[in-house]
C-alpha atoms as a PDB file:
ATOM      1  CA  MET A   1     217.455  84.974 129.587  1.00  0.00           C
ATOM      2  CA  TRP A   2     216.383  81.480 130.544  1.00  0.00           C
ATOM      3  CA  ARG A   3     219.948  80.246 130.327  1.00  0.00           C
ATOM      4  CA  VAL A   4     221.156  82.930 132.750  1.00  0.00           C
ATOM      5  CA  ARG A   5     218.171  82.190 135.079  1.00  0.00           C
ATOM      6  CA  ASN A   6     218.849  78.455 135.043  1.00  0.00           C
ATOM      7  CA  GLU A   7     222.564  78.933 135.743  1.00  0.00           C
ATOM      8  CA  THR A   8     221.799  81.333 138.612  1.00  0.00           C
ATOM      9  CA  GLU A   9     218.968  79.349 140.176  1.00  0.00           C
ATOM     10  CA  ALA A  10     219.956  75.700 139.498  1.00  0.00           C
ATOM     11  CA  GLY A  11     223.612  75.743 138.371  1.00  0.00           C
ATOM     12  CA  PHE A  12     222.462  74.349 134.988  1.00  0.00           C
ATOM     13  CA  ARG A  13     224.087  75.761 131.887  1.00  0.00           C
ATOM     14  CA  GLY A  14     221.270  75.314 129.385  1.00  0.00           C
ATOM     15  CA  ILE A  15     217.684  76.046 128.564  1.00  0.00           C
ATOM     16  CA  SER A  16     216.311  72.622 129.454  1.00  0.00           C
ATOM     17  CA  ASP A  17     217.463  69.212 130.685  1.00  0.00           C
ATOM     18  CA  ILE A  18     214.556  67.452 128.959  1.00  0.00           C
ATOM     19  CA  PRO A  19     216.419  66.449 125.707  1.00  0.00           C
ATOM     20  CA  GLY A  20     219.131  64.631 127.699  1.00  0.00           C
ATOM     21  CA  LYS A  21     216.474  62.811 129.768  1.00  0.00           C
ATOM     22  CA  VAL A  22     214.533  61.858 126.651  1.00  0.00           C
ATOM     23  CA  ALA A  23     217.679  60.475 124.977  1.00  0.00           C
ATOM     24  CA  PHE A  24     218.581  58.489 128.089  1.00  0.00           C
ATOM     25  CA  LEU A  25     215.102  57.297 129.128  1.00  0.00           C
ATOM     26  CA  TYR A  26     213.216  56.839 125.849  1.00  0.00           C
ATOM     27  CA  LEU A  27     215.601  56.601 122.918  1.00  0.00           C
ATOM     28  CA  ALA A  28     218.623  54.694 124.200  1.00  0.00           C
ATOM     29  CA  PRO A  29     216.923  51.770 126.122  1.00  0.00           C
ATOM     30  CA  PRO A  30     215.058  50.292 123.088  1.00  0.00           C
ATOM     31  CA  VAL A  31     218.291  50.433 121.063  1.00  0.00           C
ATOM     32  CA  ASP A  32     220.262  48.791 123.891  1.00  0.00           C
ATOM     33  CA  GLY A  33     217.543  46.181 124.481  1.00  0.00           C
ATOM     34  CA  ALA A  34     217.278  45.254 120.790  1.00  0.00           C
ATOM     35  CA  ALA A  35     221.056  45.107 120.372  1.00  0.00           C
ATOM     36  CA  HIS A  36     221.424  42.737 123.333  1.00  0.00           C
ATOM     37  CA  VAL A  37     218.232  40.814 122.389  1.00  0.00           C
ATOM     38  CA  THR A  38     216.653  41.528 125.773  1.00  0.00           C
ATOM     39  CA  ASN A  39     213.286  42.827 126.818  1.00  0.00           C
ATOM     40  CA  ARG A  40     213.014  46.477 125.859  1.00  0.00           C
ATOM     41  CA  TYR A  41     210.723  47.124 128.794  1.00  0.00           C
ATOM     42  CA  ALA A  42     213.387  45.823 131.167  1.00  0.00           C
ATOM     43  CA  ALA A  43     215.951  48.096 129.560  1.00  0.00           C
ATOM     44  CA  THR A  44     213.645  51.106 130.004  1.00  0.00           C
ATOM     45  CA  SER A  45     212.921  50.151 133.657  1.00  0.00           C
ATOM     46  CA  ALA A  46     216.665  49.940 134.345  1.00  0.00           C
ATOM     47  CA  ALA A  47     217.146  53.388 132.803  1.00  0.00           C
ATOM     48  CA  TYR A  48     214.443  54.819 135.083  1.00  0.00           C
ATOM     49  CA  ARG A  49     216.137  53.318 138.142  1.00  0.00           C
ATOM     50  CA  GLU A  50     219.474  54.811 137.051  1.00  0.00           C
ATOM     51  CA  ASN A  51     217.818  58.149 136.405  1.00  0.00           C
ATOM     52  CA  SER A  52     216.507  58.254 139.990  1.00  0.00           C
ATOM     53  CA  LYS A  53     220.024  57.681 141.335  1.00  0.00           C
ATOM     54  CA  LEU A  54     221.506  60.335 139.023  1.00  0.00           C
ATOM     55  CA  GLU A  55     219.019  62.973 140.035  1.00  0.00           C
ATOM     56  CA  TRP A  56     219.466  62.320 143.737  1.00  0.00           C
ATOM     57  CA  GLU A  57     223.258  62.113 143.742  1.00  0.00           C
ATOM     58  CA  LEU A  58     224.294  64.750 141.156  1.00  0.00           C
ATOM     59  CA  SER A  59     223.670  68.413 140.483  1.00  0.00           C
ATOM     60  CA  ALA A  60     221.294  69.286 137.637  1.00  0.00           C
ATOM     61  CA  GLN A  61     224.197  69.993 135.318  1.00  0.00           C
ATOM     62  CA  GLN A  62     226.079  66.800 136.259  1.00  0.00           C
ATOM     63  CA  ALA A  63     222.936  64.722 135.786  1.00  0.00           C
ATOM     64  CA  ASP A  64     222.309  66.232 132.352  1.00  0.00           C
ATOM     65  CA  ASP A  65     225.929  65.593 131.312  1.00  0.00           C
ATOM     66  CA  GLU A  66     225.667  62.003 132.556  1.00  0.00           C
ATOM     67  CA  HIS A  67     222.360  61.440 130.702  1.00  0.00           C
ATOM     68  CA  TRP A  68     224.016  62.553 127.474  1.00  0.00           C
ATOM     69  CA  ARG A  69     227.178  60.599 128.138  1.00  0.00           C
ATOM     70  CA  ARG A  70     225.294  57.337 128.711  1.00  0.00           C
ATOM     71  CA  ALA A  71     222.899  57.775 125.798  1.00  0.00           C
ATOM     72  CA  THR A  72     225.742  58.717 123.455  1.00  0.00           C
ATOM     73  CA  ALA A  73     227.742  55.673 124.554  1.00  0.00           C
ATOM     74  CA  ILE A  74     224.823  53.365 123.676  1.00  0.00           C
ATOM     75  CA  PHE A  75     224.268  55.015 120.273  1.00  0.00           C
ATOM     76  CA  ARG A  76     228.003  54.805 119.453  1.00  0.00           C
ATOM     77  CA  GLU A  77     228.145  51.142 120.474  1.00  0.00           C
ATOM     78  CA  HIS A  78     225.002  50.317 118.486  1.00  0.00           C
ATOM     79  CA  PRO A  79     224.654  52.588 115.512  1.00  0.00           C
ATOM     80  CA  TRP A  80     221.149  52.505 114.054  1.00  0.00           C
ATOM     81  CA  ASP A  81     220.811  50.853 110.694  1.00  0.00           C
ATOM     82  CA  ASP A  82     217.457  50.957 108.959  1.00  0.00           C
ATOM     83  CA  GLY A  83     216.005  47.511 109.253  1.00  0.00           C
ATOM     84  CA  GLU A  84     217.989  46.291 112.345  1.00  0.00           C
ATOM     85  CA  ILE A  85     215.534  47.633 114.930  1.00  0.00           C
END
């Protein structure tokens, strides 16, 4: 029922957009920062700035798709290996 409600009310085909935001804002930046040997806080701050743009410029579904696309790209580029990070 929530899925139908979200699609009707917000044009979002899912139950929640939180998992995509968490992957983009909290999981991907530390991986990207560590891989590029930069400040992890700076990487997280940059993700928050990008998130603001995404949420203003795109629909809820488009923003969720973009969160997942960007997080997945980082994880594919820098696969996690126990001991690296």
